[in-house]
Amino acid sequence: MPTVATDEQVRAAYALCEQMAGRDKPHLYAAAQLLSWPQARRAFAATYASMRVIDDYIDGIPHRATLPGPSRQIAARQIDLWLEQVRRARADASATDGIWVALADTFDRFEFPLTPWEELGRAMRSDLSTPAFRDWDHLREYMAGASVAPAVVFMHLVLMQPYGPGEDGCFRSPWPYMRVVEATEDLAIFCYWVHILRDVAADLTLGGGGLVYLPQEDLRRFGLSTPDLHRMRDSGRATDAYVRLAQFEAERARFHLERGRTHLPELLATAPAGNALALTQLVETYVAVLQGLADHHYDVFAGLVT
């Protein structure tokens, strides 16, 4: 018979999830604090923390895209073990330690498919063997797990409403999973791409040799290379070529914003009022970040953009 976590263990697990999910004050976490029901806010913390576990692990591997074979196999095995923990949390509520207690409780109350976690795992495996993204299509494949997956979980929570008696009742979305994905994808790409454009300089200090998410095809189009980005970081100034590249990428972000906005009327009409506010704030936060980049001529190397 599975061991069931005590109420105290569940509370402690959710508290740990809050600490993990709120670290570095991500915009997604801030928006989730506006969700109408405390159960939904706790569910966001549990789901987001579970995703940060593997994301933090992969980010902490130096020069991860050039790992030797045995080291890559060890890291890939860790991704498999993480995904198995997620599956166990969804299958039963027998976890009694760490964030998995909270995730199991969330799965017990909220109707989530495993797909977002599986997509994230696929993206993390890609991180182990991808030194650079060839082109936009290559990056879009990665985004399906790295950005769309957590955004879909958030959007599910925006749409979910309680059913059943009592304040500890369960929640379900009025929309099927694929409809949520379709309504989320472009908005998630917009937010992720603005995040990347803002953090180009900061990402160059990560992972030992630095991380570059800008597609190599786009860099070449504007006569740039990865070493050029490092030189701009060291000099504290963007070149004219980089500004033109960033303007091009910003237009790509705006394209996905406008496509994503076509879904907003129906999303906002379906979601409870507080949840609709959470979604609106998230989108407008990234709109403001993109405007801030434009106001500073996209020079993220000068330390003026926050």
Protein backbone atom coordinates (compact mmCIF):
# COMPACT_ATOMS: atom_id res chain seq x y z
CA MET A 1 0.00 0.00 0.00
CA PRO A 2 1.54 3.40 -1.00
CA THR A 3 2.74 5.62 1.81
CA VAL A 4 0.74 8.86 2.00
CA ALA A 5 2.48 12.08 3.00
CA THR A 6 1.29 13.78 6.18
CA ASP A 7 -0.28 17.24 6.10
CA GLU A 8 2.90 18.63 7.62
CA GLN A 9 5.03 17.04 4.89
CA VAL A 10 2.73 18.48 2.21
CA ARG A 11 2.95 22.00 3.70
CA ALA A 12 6.74 21.75 3.95
CA ALA A 13 6.99 20.54 0.37
CA TYR A 14 4.92 23.45 -0.97
CA ALA A 15 7.05 25.89 1.05
CA LEU A 16 10.18 24.44 -0.58
CA CYS A 17 8.56 24.76 -4.00
CA GLU A 18 7.78 28.43 -3.32
CA GLN A 19 11.44 29.08 -2.54
CA MET A 20 12.60 27.34 -5.71
CA ALA A 21 9.96 28.82 -8.01
CA GLY A 22 10.45 32.36 -6.70
CA ARG A 23 14.24 32.36 -6.90
CA ASP A 24 15.54 35.22 -9.07
CA LYS A 25 11.95 36.59 -9.21
CA PRO A 26 10.97 35.30 -12.67
CA HIS A 27 8.14 37.15 -14.40
CA LEU A 28 6.14 33.93 -14.74
CA TYR A 29 6.22 33.44 -10.98
CA ALA A 30 5.16 37.05 -10.33
CA ALA A 31 2.19 36.68 -12.69
CA ALA A 32 1.17 33.41 -11.04
CA GLN A 33 0.77 35.22 -7.71
CA LEU A 34 -2.35 36.84 -9.19
CA LEU A 35 -4.13 33.52 -9.78
CA SER A 36 -7.52 33.56 -8.08
CA TRP A 37 -7.22 30.47 -5.87
CA PRO A 38 -4.43 29.70 -3.38
CA GLN A 39 -4.51 26.09 -4.57
CA ALA A 40 -3.65 27.28 -8.09
CA ARG A 41 -0.81 29.43 -6.80
CA ARG A 42 0.58 26.46 -4.88
CA ALA A 43 0.14 24.26 -7.95
CA PHE A 44 2.14 26.70 -10.03
CA ALA A 45 4.95 26.68 -7.46
CA ALA A 46 5.02 22.86 -7.47
CA THR A 47 4.99 22.47 -11.25
CA TYR A 48 7.50 25.26 -11.86
CA ALA A 49 9.85 24.02 -9.15
CA SER A 50 9.75 20.52 -10.61
CA MET A 51 10.85 21.94 -13.95
CA ARG A 52 13.59 24.06 -12.39
CA VAL A 53 15.12 20.93 -10.87
CA ILE A 54 16.27 19.62 -14.24
CA ASP A 55 16.82 23.03 -15.81
CA ASP A 56 19.16 24.02 -12.95
CA TYR A 57 20.99 20.70 -13.22
CA ILE A 58 21.65 21.12 -16.95
CA ASP A 59 22.58 24.80 -16.58
CA GLY A 60 25.13 23.82 -13.95
CA ILE A 61 27.10 21.56 -16.31
CA PRO A 62 30.18 23.43 -17.64
CA HIS A 63 30.65 23.28 -21.43
CA ARG A 64 27.68 20.93 -21.58
CA ALA A 65 27.39 20.90 -25.39
CA THR A 66 30.94 19.51 -25.70
CA LEU A 67 30.80 16.88 -22.98
CA PRO A 68 32.68 13.64 -23.64
CA GLY A 69 30.48 10.64 -24.32
CA PRO A 70 30.48 9.07 -20.83
CA SER A 71 29.72 12.40 -19.13
CA ARG A 72 26.89 13.06 -21.58
CA GLN A 73 25.42 9.63 -20.82
CA ILE A 74 25.50 10.36 -17.09
CA ALA A 75 23.71 13.68 -17.63
CA ALA A 76 21.15 12.08 -19.94
CA ARG A 77 20.51 9.46 -17.28
CA GLN A 78 19.78 12.22 -14.77
CA ILE A 79 17.14 13.60 -17.14
CA ASP A 80 15.57 10.14 -17.35
CA LEU A 81 15.57 9.82 -13.56
CA TRP A 82 14.00 13.26 -13.19
CA LEU A 83 11.24 12.38 -15.65
CA GLU A 84 10.64 9.11 -13.81
CA GLN A 85 10.13 11.07 -10.58
CA VAL A 86 7.57 13.25 -12.35
CA ARG A 87 5.77 10.17 -13.67
CA ARG A 88 5.69 8.60 -10.21
CA ALA A 89 4.29 11.81 -8.73
CA ARG A 90 1.50 11.76 -11.29
CA ALA A 91 0.79 8.04 -10.88
CA ASP A 92 0.32 8.07 -7.10
CA ALA A 93 0.76 10.21 -4.00
CA SER A 94 3.35 8.02 -2.29
CA ALA A 95 6.22 10.55 -2.29
CA THR A 96 7.19 11.59 1.23
CA ASP A 97 10.16 13.93 0.68
CA GLY A 98 11.11 17.09 -1.14
CA ILE A 99 9.17 18.89 -3.83
CA TRP A 100 7.77 15.61 -5.15
CA VAL A 101 5.28 15.55 -2.27
CA ALA A 102 3.85 18.86 -3.49
CA LEU A 103 3.91 17.78 -7.14
CA ALA A 104 2.05 14.57 -6.30
CA ASP A 105 -0.54 16.58 -4.37
CA THR A 106 -0.88 18.96 -7.34
CA PHE A 107 -1.34 16.13 -9.82
CA ASP A 108 -3.98 14.71 -7.48
CA ARG A 109 -5.98 17.96 -7.61
CA PHE A 110 -5.25 19.37 -11.09
CA GLU A 111 -5.72 17.66 -14.44
CA PHE A 112 -2.28 17.97 -16.05
CA PRO A 113 -0.94 15.71 -18.79
CA LEU A 114 2.68 14.58 -18.64
CA THR A 115 3.41 16.13 -22.04
CA PRO A 116 4.92 19.44 -20.81
CA TRP A 117 7.46 17.60 -18.66
CA GLU A 118 8.27 15.21 -21.50
CA GLU A 119 8.80 18.17 -23.84
CA LEU A 120 11.07 19.84 -21.31
CA GLY A 121 13.09 16.65 -20.94
CA ARG A 122 13.53 16.53 -24.71
CA ALA A 123 14.81 20.12 -24.70
CA MET A 124 17.25 19.35 -21.88
CA ARG A 125 18.64 16.40 -23.86
CA SER A 126 19.13 18.76 -26.79
CA ASP A 127 21.13 21.06 -24.51
CA LEU A 128 23.63 18.24 -23.97
CA SER A 129 24.58 18.04 -27.63
CA THR A 130 23.79 21.43 -29.18
CA PRO A 131 26.72 23.88 -29.15
CA ALA A 132 24.66 26.39 -31.16
CA PHE A 133 21.33 26.73 -32.90
CA ARG A 134 21.65 26.50 -36.68
CA ASP A 135 18.63 28.60 -37.56
CA TRP A 136 15.24 29.75 -36.31
CA ASP A 137 13.57 26.40 -37.04
CA HIS A 138 16.20 24.60 -34.96
CA LEU A 139 15.59 27.01 -32.09
CA ARG A 140 11.81 26.68 -32.40
CA GLU A 141 12.13 22.91 -31.85
CA TYR A 142 14.03 23.63 -28.64
CA MET A 143 11.48 26.24 -27.53
CA ALA A 144 8.70 23.64 -27.56
CA GLY A 145 10.21 22.27 -24.36
CA ALA A 146 12.24 25.13 -22.93
CA SER A 147 9.56 27.83 -23.14
CA VAL A 148 6.25 26.50 -24.43
CA ALA A 149 6.10 23.62 -21.91
CA PRO A 150 6.17 25.74 -18.71
CA ALA A 151 3.98 28.36 -20.38
CA VAL A 152 1.36 25.71 -21.20
CA VAL A 153 1.29 24.64 -17.54
CA PHE A 154 0.77 28.28 -16.54
CA MET A 155 -2.00 28.69 -19.14
CA HIS A 156 -3.72 25.54 -17.89
CA LEU A 157 -3.80 27.13 -14.43
CA VAL A 158 -5.15 30.37 -15.87
CA LEU A 159 -8.06 28.46 -17.41
CA MET A 160 -8.67 25.90 -14.65
CA GLN A 161 -11.69 26.20 -12.42
CA PRO A 162 -12.69 24.23 -9.32
CA TYR A 163 -15.18 21.41 -9.28
CA GLY A 164 -16.32 19.19 -6.48
CA PRO A 165 -17.24 20.09 -2.88
CA GLY A 166 -15.09 21.84 -0.30
CA GLU A 167 -12.12 24.19 -0.54
CA ASP A 168 -9.83 21.23 -1.16
CA GLY A 169 -11.72 20.31 -4.32
CA CYS A 170 -10.16 19.53 -7.68
CA PHE A 171 -9.57 21.73 -10.73
CA ARG A 172 -9.95 21.14 -14.43
CA SER A 173 -9.54 23.15 -17.62
CA PRO A 174 -12.55 23.72 -19.88
CA TRP A 175 -10.22 23.36 -22.87
CA PRO A 176 -8.48 20.19 -24.11
CA TYR A 177 -4.70 20.12 -23.93
CA MET A 178 -3.95 20.75 -27.62
CA ARG A 179 -6.25 23.76 -27.68
CA VAL A 180 -4.31 25.22 -24.75
CA VAL A 181 -1.04 24.57 -26.60
CA GLU A 182 -2.31 26.32 -29.72
CA ALA A 183 -3.42 29.36 -27.73
CA THR A 184 -0.15 29.48 -25.77
CA GLU A 185 2.59 28.80 -28.30
CA ASP A 186 3.04 32.22 -29.91
CA LEU A 187 2.75 34.11 -26.63
CA ALA A 188 5.32 31.76 -25.07
CA ILE A 189 7.71 32.27 -27.98
CA PHE A 190 7.28 36.04 -27.70
CA CYS A 191 8.05 36.05 -23.97
CA TYR A 192 10.98 33.65 -24.31
CA TRP A 193 12.52 35.54 -27.19
CA VAL A 194 12.29 38.88 -25.37
CA HIS A 195 13.89 37.18 -22.36
CA ILE A 196 16.73 35.92 -24.56
CA LEU A 197 17.29 39.32 -26.19
CA ARG A 198 17.45 40.95 -22.78
CA ASP A 199 19.92 38.36 -21.45
CA VAL A 200 22.33 37.99 -24.40
CA ALA A 201 25.21 39.52 -22.44
CA ALA A 202 24.44 37.70 -19.19
CA ASP A 203 24.15 34.34 -20.96
CA LEU A 204 27.70 34.73 -22.27
CA THR A 205 28.94 34.19 -18.71
CA LEU A 206 27.06 30.90 -18.17
CA GLY A 207 28.00 27.29 -18.66
CA GLY A 208 31.76 27.71 -18.67
CA GLY A 209 32.11 28.98 -22.24
CA GLY A 210 28.90 31.00 -22.26
CA LEU A 211 25.53 30.28 -23.87
CA VAL A 212 24.37 31.75 -27.18
CA TYR A 213 20.75 31.32 -28.20
CA LEU A 214 20.83 33.60 -31.23
CA PRO A 215 20.68 31.40 -34.36
CA GLN A 216 23.99 31.13 -36.19
CA GLU A 217 22.22 31.85 -39.48
CA ASP A 218 21.03 35.19 -38.09
CA LEU A 219 24.49 36.08 -36.78
CA ARG A 220 26.01 35.43 -40.21
CA ARG A 221 23.27 37.47 -41.90
CA PHE A 222 24.53 40.52 -40.02
CA GLY A 223 28.22 39.70 -40.31
CA LEU A 224 28.59 38.56 -36.72
CA SER A 225 29.93 35.53 -34.87
CA THR A 226 29.95 34.18 -31.34
CA PRO A 227 33.45 35.62 -30.66
CA ASP A 228 32.06 39.03 -31.70
CA LEU A 229 29.43 38.74 -28.96
CA HIS A 230 32.13 38.02 -26.39
CA ARG A 231 34.12 41.05 -27.56
CA MET A 232 31.03 43.25 -27.16
CA ARG A 233 30.49 41.91 -23.67
CA ASP A 234 34.12 42.68 -22.78
CA SER A 235 33.97 46.18 -24.26
CA GLY A 236 30.58 47.01 -22.78
CA ARG A 237 29.23 48.28 -26.08
CA ALA A 238 27.12 46.86 -28.91
CA THR A 239 28.26 47.33 -32.48
CA ASP A 240 26.00 48.76 -35.17
CA ALA A 241 25.77 45.28 -36.70
CA TYR A 242 24.50 43.85 -33.42
CA VAL A 243 21.89 46.60 -33.10
CA ARG A 244 20.60 45.74 -36.57
CA LEU A 245 20.50 42.05 -35.60
CA ALA A 246 18.63 42.82 -32.38
CA GLN A 247 16.11 44.97 -34.27
CA PHE A 248 15.53 42.05 -36.62
CA GLU A 249 15.02 39.65 -33.71
CA ALA A 250 12.71 42.15 -31.96
CA GLU A 251 10.49 42.23 -35.05
CA ARG A 252 10.36 38.45 -34.92
CA ALA A 253 9.20 38.69 -31.30
CA ARG A 254 6.53 41.24 -32.24
CA PHE A 255 5.28 38.95 -35.00
CA HIS A 256 4.65 36.18 -32.47
CA LEU A 257 3.11 38.65 -30.03
CA GLU A 258 0.55 39.75 -32.61
CA ARG A 259 -0.26 36.15 -33.55
CA GLY A 260 -0.58 35.23 -29.88
CA ARG A 261 -2.84 38.19 -29.18
CA THR A 262 -5.45 36.77 -31.54
CA HIS A 263 -6.16 34.14 -28.86
CA LEU A 264 -6.37 36.58 -25.96
CA PRO A 265 -10.05 37.60 -26.26
CA GLU A 266 -11.22 33.99 -25.96
CA LEU A 267 -8.69 33.18 -23.26
CA LEU A 268 -9.64 36.19 -21.17
CA ALA A 269 -13.35 35.52 -21.65
CA THR A 270 -12.92 31.92 -20.45
CA ALA A 271 -10.57 32.50 -17.51
CA PRO A 272 -11.79 33.66 -14.08
CA ALA A 273 -11.18 37.40 -13.54
CA GLY A 274 -8.10 37.07 -11.33
CA ASN A 275 -6.56 34.51 -13.61
CA ALA A 276 -7.21 36.72 -16.63
CA LEU A 277 -5.34 39.51 -14.85
CA ALA A 278 -2.39 37.16 -14.29
CA LEU A 279 -2.19 36.43 -18.01
CA THR A 280 -2.56 40.07 -19.01
CA GLN A 281 0.17 41.14 -16.60
CA LEU A 282 2.56 38.51 -17.89
CA VAL A 283 2.14 39.60 -21.52
CA GLU A 284 2.34 43.30 -20.70
CA THR A 285 5.47 42.77 -18.60
CA TYR A 286 7.30 41.35 -21.60
CA VAL A 287 5.89 44.06 -23.87
CA ALA A 288 7.45 46.59 -21.46
CA VAL A 289 10.77 44.71 -21.44
CA LEU A 290 10.87 44.78 -25.24
CA GLN A 291 10.08 48.49 -25.23
CA GLY A 292 12.90 49.01 -22.73
CA LEU A 293 15.29 47.23 -25.08
CA ALA A 294 14.21 49.46 -27.95
CA ASP A 295 14.56 52.59 -25.79
CA HIS A 296 18.19 51.65 -25.13
CA HIS A 297 18.85 50.76 -28.79
CA TYR A 298 19.13 47.06 -27.82
CA ASP A 299 22.58 47.63 -26.29
CA VAL A 300 22.42 44.93 -23.63
CA PHE A 301 26.20 45.06 -23.27
CA ALA A 302 26.20 48.54 -21.71
CA GLY A 303 24.42 47.37 -18.57
CA LEU A 304 21.51 49.79 -19.00
CA VAL A 305 18.74 47.26 -19.74
CA THR A 306 17.10 45.47 -16.78
